[in-house]
Amino acid sequence: MNGEPLRHIVTVNNPQGLHMRPITSFVEAANRFKSSVQVTKEGGSPINGKSPLGLLGLAAEQGTRLTLEVDGADAQEAMTALIEVLDRQFDD
């Protein structure tokens, strides 16, 4: 790791958007790692990716583009896990 945070843009694919179930899974995954996690909605301010209320406030509907930024010793592993959560379909 060269000290630069990892960044990745994801599109919310879940038909119901980023609601409580995917947010809970995302926060649980983020909290397994020491790295800091920031999530930014296009045109918005960065949100702590380990805060369920912060993520809920994004009001990310299907099609919303989010930028994930992960910084820390285990950033690569954290980024991989977080992308997997966001790519998962949550049936409601």
PDB file of N, CA and C in Angstrom:
ATOM      1  N   MET A   1       0.851  -1.185   0.000  1.00  0.00           N
ATOM      2  CA  MET A   1       0.000   0.000   0.000  1.00  0.00           C
ATOM      3  C   MET A   1       0.885   1.231   0.000  1.00  0.00           C
ATOM      4  N   ASN A   2       0.634   2.152  -0.904  1.00  0.00           N
ATOM      5  CA  ASN A   2       1.493   3.304  -1.040  1.00  0.00           C
ATOM      6  C   ASN A   2       0.989   4.527  -0.290  1.00  0.00           C
ATOM      7  N   GLY A   3       0.014   4.387   0.553  1.00  0.00           N
ATOM      8  CA  GLY A   3      -0.507   5.505   1.303  1.00  0.00           C
ATOM      9  C   GLY A   3      -1.674   6.199   0.637  1.00  0.00           C
ATOM     10  N   GLU A   4      -1.931   5.899  -0.621  1.00  0.00           N
ATOM     11  CA  GLU A   4      -3.057   6.484  -1.334  1.00  0.00           C
ATOM     12  C   GLU A   4      -4.313   5.656  -1.068  1.00  0.00           C
ATOM     13  N   PRO A   5      -5.443   6.306  -0.795  1.00  0.00           N
ATOM     14  CA  PRO A   5      -6.683   5.544  -0.612  1.00  0.00           C
ATOM     15  C   PRO A   5      -7.121   4.896  -1.919  1.00  0.00           C
ATOM     16  N   LEU A   6      -7.777   3.767  -1.807  1.00  0.00           N
ATOM     17  CA  LEU A   6      -8.366   3.102  -2.974  1.00  0.00           C
ATOM     18  C   LEU A   6      -9.713   3.734  -3.249  1.00  0.00           C
ATOM     19  N   ARG A   7     -10.028   3.930  -4.526  1.00  0.00           N
ATOM     20  CA  ARG A   7     -11.329   4.480  -4.920  1.00  0.00           C
ATOM     21  C   ARG A   7     -11.953   3.583  -5.969  1.00  0.00           C
ATOM     22  N   HIS A   8     -13.256   3.433  -5.862  1.00  0.00           N
ATOM     23  CA  HIS A   8     -13.985   2.625  -6.835  1.00  0.00           C
ATOM     24  C   HIS A   8     -15.399   3.191  -6.953  1.00  0.00           C
ATOM     25  N   ILE A   9     -15.888   3.315  -8.169  1.00  0.00           N
ATOM     26  CA  ILE A   9     -17.258   3.787  -8.394  1.00  0.00           C
ATOM     27  C   ILE A   9     -18.155   2.580  -8.626  1.00  0.00           C
ATOM     28  N   VAL A  10     -19.262   2.542  -7.886  1.00  0.00           N
ATOM     29  CA  VAL A  10     -20.248   1.474  -8.038  1.00  0.00           C
ATOM     30  C   VAL A  10     -21.600   2.097  -8.353  1.00  0.00           C
ATOM     31  N   THR A  11     -22.425   1.340  -9.035  1.00  0.00           N
ATOM     32  CA  THR A  11     -23.791   1.763  -9.316  1.00  0.00           C
ATOM     33  C   THR A  11     -24.725   0.878  -8.511  1.00  0.00           C
ATOM     34  N   VAL A  12     -25.658   1.487  -7.806  1.00  0.00           N
ATOM     35  CA  VAL A  12     -26.629   0.731  -7.013  1.00  0.00           C
ATOM     36  C   VAL A  12     -27.547  -0.002  -7.991  1.00  0.00           C
ATOM     37  N   ASN A  13     -27.483  -1.322  -7.956  1.00  0.00           N
ATOM     38  CA  ASN A  13     -28.274  -2.140  -8.878  1.00  0.00           C
ATOM     39  C   ASN A  13     -29.545  -2.691  -8.249  1.00  0.00           C
ATOM     40  N   ASN A  14     -29.615  -2.698  -6.940  1.00  0.00           N
ATOM     41  CA  ASN A  14     -30.763  -3.256  -6.248  1.00  0.00           C
ATOM     42  C   ASN A  14     -32.022  -2.452  -6.598  1.00  0.00           C
ATOM     43  N   PRO A  15     -33.098  -3.103  -7.049  1.00  0.00           N
ATOM     44  CA  PRO A  15     -34.317  -2.384  -7.438  1.00  0.00           C
ATOM     45  C   PRO A  15     -34.889  -1.493  -6.324  1.00  0.00           C
ATOM     46  N   GLN A  16     -34.682  -1.871  -5.072  1.00  0.00           N
ATOM     47  CA  GLN A  16     -35.182  -1.068  -3.953  1.00  0.00           C
ATOM     48  C   GLN A  16     -34.144  -0.040  -3.484  1.00  0.00           C
ATOM     49  N   GLY A  17     -33.029   0.042  -4.175  1.00  0.00           N
ATOM     50  CA  GLY A  17     -31.989   0.998  -3.786  1.00  0.00           C
ATOM     51  C   GLY A  17     -31.215   0.512  -2.571  1.00  0.00           C
ATOM     52  N   LEU A  18     -30.529   1.441  -1.952  1.00  0.00           N
ATOM     53  CA  LEU A  18     -29.715   1.128  -0.769  1.00  0.00           C
ATOM     54  C   LEU A  18     -30.592   1.333   0.465  1.00  0.00           C
ATOM     55  N   HIS A  19     -31.292   0.261   0.857  1.00  0.00           N
ATOM     56  CA  HIS A  19     -32.198   0.321   2.004  1.00  0.00           C
ATOM     57  C   HIS A  19     -31.548  -0.390   3.186  1.00  0.00           C
ATOM     58  N   MET A  20     -32.297  -0.605   4.253  1.00  0.00           N
ATOM     59  CA  MET A  20     -31.703  -1.077   5.510  1.00  0.00           C
ATOM     60  C   MET A  20     -30.971  -2.412   5.410  1.00  0.00           C
ATOM     61  N   ARG A  21     -31.488  -3.378   4.669  1.00  0.00           N
ATOM     62  CA  ARG A  21     -30.789  -4.672   4.609  1.00  0.00           C
ATOM     63  C   ARG A  21     -29.422  -4.559   3.957  1.00  0.00           C
ATOM     64  N   PRO A  22     -29.300  -3.960   2.771  1.00  0.00           N
ATOM     65  CA  PRO A  22     -27.960  -3.830   2.212  1.00  0.00           C
ATOM     66  C   PRO A  22     -27.074  -2.887   3.021  1.00  0.00           C
ATOM     67  N   ILE A  23     -27.660  -1.862   3.623  1.00  0.00           N
ATOM     68  CA  ILE A  23     -26.857  -0.962   4.461  1.00  0.00           C
ATOM     69  C   ILE A  23     -26.295  -1.721   5.653  1.00  0.00           C
ATOM     70  N   THR A  24     -27.123  -2.535   6.290  1.00  0.00           N
ATOM     71  CA  THR A  24     -26.661  -3.325   7.439  1.00  0.00           C
ATOM     72  C   THR A  24     -25.536  -4.263   7.026  1.00  0.00           C
ATOM     73  N   SER A  25     -25.680  -4.944   5.895  1.00  0.00           N
ATOM     74  CA  SER A  25     -24.630  -5.841   5.404  1.00  0.00           C
ATOM     75  C   SER A  25     -23.360  -5.067   5.080  1.00  0.00           C
ATOM     76  N   PHE A  26     -23.503  -3.885   4.484  1.00  0.00           N
ATOM     77  CA  PHE A  26     -22.349  -3.057   4.134  1.00  0.00           C
ATOM     78  C   PHE A  26     -21.604  -2.626   5.395  1.00  0.00           C
ATOM     79  N   VAL A  27     -22.332  -2.135   6.396  1.00  0.00           N
ATOM     80  CA  VAL A  27     -21.721  -1.671   7.643  1.00  0.00           C
ATOM     81  C   VAL A  27     -21.044  -2.825   8.371  1.00  0.00           C
ATOM     82  N   GLU A  28     -21.686  -3.992   8.402  1.00  0.00           N
ATOM     83  CA  GLU A  28     -21.070  -5.162   9.046  1.00  0.00           C
ATOM     84  C   GLU A  28     -19.763  -5.521   8.348  1.00  0.00           C
ATOM     85  N   ALA A  29     -19.761  -5.494   7.011  1.00  0.00           N
ATOM     86  CA  ALA A  29     -18.535  -5.793   6.264  1.00  0.00           C
ATOM     87  C   ALA A  29     -17.478  -4.726   6.536  1.00  0.00           C
ATOM     88  N   ALA A  30     -17.846  -3.461   6.500  1.00  0.00           N
ATOM     89  CA  ALA A  30     -16.892  -2.369   6.727  1.00  0.00           C
ATOM     90  C   ALA A  30     -16.255  -2.460   8.106  1.00  0.00           C
ATOM     91  N   ASN A  31     -17.036  -2.850   9.096  1.00  0.00           N
ATOM     92  CA  ASN A  31     -16.533  -2.912  10.467  1.00  0.00           C
ATOM     93  C   ASN A  31     -15.624  -4.111  10.730  1.00  0.00           C
ATOM     94  N   ARG A  32     -15.528  -5.033   9.768  1.00  0.00           N
ATOM     95  CA  ARG A  32     -14.590  -6.157   9.917  1.00  0.00           C
ATOM     96  C   ARG A  32     -13.158  -5.714   9.629  1.00  0.00           C
ATOM     97  N   PHE A  33     -12.989  -4.513   9.100  1.00  0.00           N
ATOM     98  CA  PHE A  33     -11.674  -4.037   8.682  1.00  0.00           C
ATOM     99  C   PHE A  33     -11.256  -2.810   9.474  1.00  0.00           C
ATOM    100  N   LYS A  34      -9.948  -2.619   9.578  1.00  0.00           N
ATOM    101  CA  LYS A  34      -9.405  -1.454  10.275  1.00  0.00           C
ATOM    102  C   LYS A  34      -9.442  -0.210   9.402  1.00  0.00           C
ATOM    103  N   SER A  35      -9.452  -0.386   8.090  1.00  0.00           N
ATOM    104  CA  SER A  35      -9.417   0.747   7.169  1.00  0.00           C
ATOM    105  C   SER A  35     -10.631   1.652   7.348  1.00  0.00           C
ATOM    106  N   SER A  36     -10.421   2.930   7.063  1.00  0.00           N
ATOM    107  CA  SER A  36     -11.546   3.864   7.044  1.00  0.00           C
ATOM    108  C   SER A  36     -12.289   3.682   5.723  1.00  0.00           C
ATOM    109  N   VAL A  37     -13.594   3.892   5.764  1.00  0.00           N
ATOM    110  CA  VAL A  37     -14.445   3.728   4.589  1.00  0.00           C
ATOM    111  C   VAL A  37     -15.301   4.983   4.439  1.00  0.00           C
ATOM    112  N   GLN A  38     -15.223   5.602   3.280  1.00  0.00           N
ATOM    113  CA  GLN A  38     -16.040   6.770   2.967  1.00  0.00           C
ATOM    114  C   GLN A  38     -16.882   6.441   1.729  1.00  0.00           C
ATOM    115  N   VAL A  39     -18.124   6.883   1.730  1.00  0.00           N
ATOM    116  CA  VAL A  39     -19.018   6.682   0.593  1.00  0.00           C
ATOM    117  C   VAL A  39     -19.541   8.059   0.189  1.00  0.00           C
ATOM    118  N   THR A  40     -19.434   8.353  -1.095  1.00  0.00           N
ATOM    119  CA  THR A  40     -19.887   9.650  -1.592  1.00  0.00           C
ATOM    120  C   THR A  40     -20.859   9.458  -2.744  1.00  0.00           C
ATOM    121  N   LYS A  41     -22.017  10.085  -2.629  1.00  0.00           N
ATOM    122  CA  LYS A  41     -22.993  10.113  -3.717  1.00  0.00           C
ATOM    123  C   LYS A  41     -22.602  11.275  -4.629  1.00  0.00           C
ATOM    124  N   GLU A  42     -22.778  11.107  -5.933  1.00  0.00           N
ATOM    125  CA  GLU A  42     -22.421  12.164  -6.873  1.00  0.00           C
ATOM    126  C   GLU A  42     -22.967  13.515  -6.400  1.00  0.00           C
ATOM    127  N   GLY A  43     -22.066  14.478  -6.298  1.00  0.00           N
ATOM    128  CA  GLY A  43     -22.453  15.818  -5.895  1.00  0.00           C
ATOM    129  C   GLY A  43     -22.638  16.003  -4.401  1.00  0.00           C
ATOM    130  N   GLY A  44     -22.364  14.955  -3.615  1.00  0.00           N
ATOM    131  CA  GLY A  44     -22.572  15.036  -2.172  1.00  0.00           C
ATOM    132  C   GLY A  44     -21.276  15.038  -1.385  1.00  0.00           C
ATOM    133  N   SER A  45     -21.407  15.073  -0.098  1.00  0.00           N
ATOM    134  CA  SER A  45     -20.266  15.026   0.812  1.00  0.00           C
ATOM    135  C   SER A  45     -19.976  13.581   1.205  1.00  0.00           C
ATOM    136  N   PRO A  46     -18.724  13.275   1.528  1.00  0.00           N
ATOM    137  CA  PRO A  46     -18.385  11.914   1.963  1.00  0.00           C
ATOM    138  C   PRO A  46     -19.109  11.551   3.263  1.00  0.00           C
ATOM    139  N   ILE A  47     -19.546  10.301   3.322  1.00  0.00           N
ATOM    140  CA  ILE A  47     -20.240   9.752   4.489  1.00  0.00           C
ATOM    141  C   ILE A  47     -19.388   8.625   5.052  1.00  0.00           C
ATOM    142  N   ASN A  48     -19.331   8.519   6.370  1.00  0.00           N
ATOM    143  CA  ASN A  48     -18.631   7.415   7.007  1.00  0.00           C
ATOM    144  C   ASN A  48     -19.337   6.110   6.638  1.00  0.00           C
ATOM    145  N   GLY A  49     -18.625   5.215   5.956  1.00  0.00           N
ATOM    146  CA  GLY A  49     -19.198   3.954   5.513  1.00  0.00           C
ATOM    147  C   GLY A  49     -19.463   2.964   6.624  1.00  0.00           C
ATOM    148  N   LYS A  50     -19.089   3.327   7.852  1.00  0.00           N
ATOM    149  CA  LYS A  50     -19.357   2.460   8.992  1.00  0.00           C
ATOM    150  C   LYS A  50     -20.549   2.971   9.802  1.00  0.00           C
ATOM    151  N   SER A  51     -21.253   3.976   9.264  1.00  0.00           N
ATOM    152  CA  SER A  51     -22.398   4.590   9.937  1.00  0.00           C
ATOM    153  C   SER A  51     -23.693   4.257   9.194  1.00  0.00           C
ATOM    154  N   PRO A  52     -24.537   3.392   9.761  1.00  0.00           N
ATOM    155  CA  PRO A  52     -25.782   3.043   9.075  1.00  0.00           C
ATOM    156  C   PRO A  52     -26.686   4.258   8.838  1.00  0.00           C
ATOM    157  N   LEU A  53     -26.765   5.158   9.793  1.00  0.00           N
ATOM    158  CA  LEU A  53     -27.623   6.325   9.612  1.00  0.00           C
ATOM    159  C   LEU A  53     -27.082   7.254   8.533  1.00  0.00           C
ATOM    160  N   GLY A  54     -25.763   7.385   8.472  1.00  0.00           N
ATOM    161  CA  GLY A  54     -25.165   8.193   7.425  1.00  0.00           C
ATOM    162  C   GLY A  54     -25.468   7.632   6.053  1.00  0.00           C
ATOM    163  N   LEU A  55     -25.338   6.315   5.907  1.00  0.00           N
ATOM    164  CA  LEU A  55     -25.613   5.674   4.624  1.00  0.00           C
ATOM    165  C   LEU A  55     -27.089   5.768   4.247  1.00  0.00           C
ATOM    166  N   LEU A  56     -27.951   5.638   5.222  1.00  0.00           N
ATOM    167  CA  LEU A  56     -29.384   5.762   4.963  1.00  0.00           C
ATOM    168  C   LEU A  56     -29.699   7.159   4.434  1.00  0.00           C
ATOM    169  N   GLY A  57     -28.990   8.152   4.957  1.00  0.00           N
ATOM    170  CA  GLY A  57     -29.184   9.533   4.527  1.00  0.00           C
ATOM    171  C   GLY A  57     -28.783   9.800   3.083  1.00  0.00           C
ATOM    172  N   LEU A  58     -28.032   8.883   2.475  1.00  0.00           N
ATOM    173  CA  LEU A  58     -27.670   9.047   1.074  1.00  0.00           C
ATOM    174  C   LEU A  58     -28.887   8.947   0.157  1.00  0.00           C
ATOM    175  N   ALA A  59     -29.907   8.233   0.612  1.00  0.00           N
ATOM    176  CA  ALA A  59     -31.115   8.008  -0.192  1.00  0.00           C
ATOM    177  C   ALA A  59     -30.739   7.541  -1.599  1.00  0.00           C
ATOM    178  N   ALA A  60     -29.877   6.526  -1.654  1.00  0.00           N
ATOM    179  CA  ALA A  60     -29.361   6.016  -2.932  1.00  0.00           C
ATOM    180  C   ALA A  60     -30.353   5.047  -3.554  1.00  0.00           C
ATOM    181  N   GLU A  61     -30.981   5.487  -4.626  1.00  0.00           N
ATOM    182  CA  GLU A  61     -31.937   4.657  -5.348  1.00  0.00           C
ATOM    183  C   GLU A  61     -31.210   3.835  -6.404  1.00  0.00           C
ATOM    184  N   GLN A  62     -31.927   2.904  -7.015  1.00  0.00           N
ATOM    185  CA  GLN A  62     -31.351   2.114  -8.097  1.00  0.00           C
ATOM    186  C   GLN A  62     -30.815   3.062  -9.171  1.00  0.00           C
ATOM    187  N   GLY A  63     -29.598   2.797  -9.625  1.00  0.00           N
ATOM    188  CA  GLY A  63     -28.967   3.618 -10.651  1.00  0.00           C
ATOM    189  C   GLY A  63     -28.051   4.703 -10.100  1.00  0.00           C
ATOM    190  N   THR A  64     -28.098   4.942  -8.793  1.00  0.00           N
ATOM    191  CA  THR A  64     -27.237   5.943  -8.172  1.00  0.00           C
ATOM    192  C   THR A  64     -25.786   5.484  -8.223  1.00  0.00           C
ATOM    193  N   ARG A  65     -24.908   6.397  -8.599  1.00  0.00           N
ATOM    194  CA  ARG A  65     -23.463   6.098  -8.607  1.00  0.00           C
ATOM    195  C   ARG A  65     -22.859   6.575  -7.292  1.00  0.00           C
ATOM    196  N   LEU A  66     -22.129   5.658  -6.649  1.00  0.00           N
ATOM    197  CA  LEU A  66     -21.464   5.948  -5.387  1.00  0.00           C
ATOM    198  C   LEU A  66     -19.961   5.741  -5.548  1.00  0.00           C
ATOM    199  N   THR A  67     -19.186   6.613  -4.936  1.00  0.00           N
ATOM    200  CA  THR A  67     -17.740   6.434  -4.908  1.00  0.00           C
ATOM    201  C   THR A  67     -17.352   5.897  -3.541  1.00  0.00           C
ATOM    202  N   LEU A  68     -16.702   4.740  -3.535  1.00  0.00           N
ATOM    203  CA  LEU A  68     -16.167   4.166  -2.309  1.00  0.00           C
ATOM    204  C   LEU A  68     -14.711   4.580  -2.202  1.00  0.00           C
ATOM    205  N   GLU A  69     -14.306   5.014  -1.026  1.00  0.00           N
ATOM    206  CA  GLU A  69     -12.905   5.330  -0.773  1.00  0.00           C
ATOM    207  C   GLU A  69     -12.501   4.603   0.500  1.00  0.00           C
ATOM    208  N   VAL A  70     -11.485   3.761   0.385  1.00  0.00           N
ATOM    209  CA  VAL A  70     -11.033   2.942   1.507  1.00  0.00           C
ATOM    210  C   VAL A  70      -9.553   3.227   1.725  1.00  0.00           C
ATOM    211  N   ASP A  71      -9.187   3.487   2.968  1.00  0.00           N
ATOM    212  CA  ASP A  71      -7.814   3.851   3.286  1.00  0.00           C
ATOM    213  C   ASP A  71      -7.364   3.111   4.542  1.00  0.00           C
ATOM    214  N   GLY A  72      -6.255   2.387   4.419  1.00  0.00           N
ATOM    215  CA  GLY A  72      -5.702   1.674   5.563  1.00  0.00           C
ATOM    216  C   GLY A  72      -4.945   0.435   5.131  1.00  0.00           C
ATOM    217  N   ALA A  73      -4.388  -0.245   6.106  1.00  0.00           N
ATOM    218  CA  ALA A  73      -3.533  -1.400   5.840  1.00  0.00           C
ATOM    219  C   ALA A  73      -4.270  -2.535   5.135  1.00  0.00           C
ATOM    220  N   ASP A  74      -5.554  -2.702   5.413  1.00  0.00           N
ATOM    221  CA  ASP A  74      -6.328  -3.794   4.805  1.00  0.00           C
ATOM    222  C   ASP A  74      -7.313  -3.265   3.764  1.00  0.00           C
ATOM    223  N   ALA A  75      -6.962  -2.167   3.121  1.00  0.00           N
ATOM    224  CA  ALA A  75      -7.863  -1.489   2.186  1.00  0.00           C
ATOM    225  C   ALA A  75      -8.295  -2.378   1.025  1.00  0.00           C
ATOM    226  N   GLN A  76      -7.370  -3.133   0.449  1.00  0.00           N
ATOM    227  CA  GLN A  76      -7.727  -3.960  -0.713  1.00  0.00           C
ATOM    228  C   GLN A  76      -8.762  -5.012  -0.347  1.00  0.00           C
ATOM    229  N   GLU A  77      -8.559  -5.678   0.782  1.00  0.00           N
ATOM    230  CA  GLU A  77      -9.513  -6.691   1.226  1.00  0.00           C
ATOM    231  C   GLU A  77     -10.864  -6.061   1.547  1.00  0.00           C
ATOM    232  N   ALA A  78     -10.829  -4.899   2.190  1.00  0.00           N
ATOM    233  CA  ALA A  78     -12.067  -4.210   2.536  1.00  0.00           C
ATOM    234  C   ALA A  78     -12.822  -3.800   1.278  1.00  0.00           C
ATOM    235  N   MET A  79     -12.115  -3.237   0.312  1.00  0.00           N
ATOM    236  CA  MET A  79     -12.770  -2.789  -0.923  1.00  0.00           C
ATOM    237  C   MET A  79     -13.441  -3.969  -1.629  1.00  0.00           C
ATOM    238  N   THR A  80     -12.751  -5.083  -1.716  1.00  0.00           N
ATOM    239  CA  THR A  80     -13.309  -6.269  -2.367  1.00  0.00           C
ATOM    240  C   THR A  80     -14.596  -6.715  -1.668  1.00  0.00           C
ATOM    241  N   ALA A  81     -14.568  -6.767  -0.343  1.00  0.00           N
ATOM    242  CA  ALA A  81     -15.741  -7.195   0.424  1.00  0.00           C
ATOM    243  C   ALA A  81     -16.903  -6.223   0.256  1.00  0.00           C
ATOM    244  N   LEU A  82     -16.618  -4.938   0.243  1.00  0.00           N
ATOM    245  CA  LEU A  82     -17.679  -3.937   0.139  1.00  0.00           C
ATOM    246  C   LEU A  82     -18.325  -3.937  -1.240  1.00  0.00           C
ATOM    247  N   ILE A  83     -17.524  -4.110  -2.262  1.00  0.00           N
ATOM    248  CA  ILE A  83     -18.073  -4.192  -3.618  1.00  0.00           C
ATOM    249  C   ILE A  83     -18.977  -5.418  -3.743  1.00  0.00           C
ATOM    250  N   GLU A  84     -18.556  -6.535  -3.154  1.00  0.00           N
ATOM    251  CA  GLU A  84     -19.382  -7.748  -3.184  1.00  0.00           C
ATOM    252  C   GLU A  84     -20.741  -7.508  -2.537  1.00  0.00           C
ATOM    253  N   VAL A  85     -20.758  -6.790  -1.417  1.00  0.00           N
ATOM    254  CA  VAL A  85     -22.030  -6.495  -0.750  1.00  0.00           C
ATOM    255  C   VAL A  85     -22.925  -5.660  -1.662  1.00  0.00           C
ATOM    256  N   LEU A  86     -22.360  -4.638  -2.276  1.00  0.00           N
ATOM    257  CA  LEU A  86     -23.172  -3.756  -3.117  1.00  0.00           C
ATOM    258  C   LEU A  86     -23.631  -4.431  -4.403  1.00  0.00           C
ATOM    259  N   ASP A  87     -22.898  -5.436  -4.854  1.00  0.00           N
ATOM    260  CA  ASP A  87     -23.292  -6.162  -6.065  1.00  0.00           C
ATOM    261  C   ASP A  87     -24.366  -7.220  -5.790  1.00  0.00           C
ATOM    262  N   ARG A  88     -24.548  -7.577  -4.529  1.00  0.00           N
ATOM    263  CA  ARG A  88     -25.513  -8.604  -4.144  1.00  0.00           C
ATOM    264  C   ARG A  88     -26.937  -8.101  -4.337  1.00  0.00           C
ATOM    265  N   GLN A  89     -27.824  -8.991  -4.770  1.00  0.00           N
ATOM    266  CA  GLN A  89     -29.246  -8.652  -4.883  1.00  0.00           C
ATOM    267  C   GLN A  89     -29.933  -9.011  -3.568  1.00  0.00           C
ATOM    268  N   PHE A  90     -30.672  -8.062  -3.029  1.00  0.00           N
ATOM    269  CA  PHE A  90     -31.409  -8.273  -1.795  1.00  0.00           C
ATOM    270  C   PHE A  90     -32.886  -8.365  -2.165  1.00  0.00           C
ATOM    271  N   ASP A  91     -33.430  -9.554  -2.032  1.00  0.00           N
ATOM    272  CA  ASP A  91     -34.844  -9.771  -2.371  1.00  0.00           C
ATOM    273  C   ASP A  91     -35.713  -9.383  -1.185  1.00  0.00           C
ATOM    274  N   ASP A  92     -36.675  -8.522  -1.449  1.00  0.00           N
ATOM    275  CA  ASP A  92     -37.590  -8.097  -0.382  1.00  0.00           C
ATOM    276  C   ASP A  92     -39.014  -8.444  -0.720  1.00  0.00           C
TER     277      ASP A  92
END
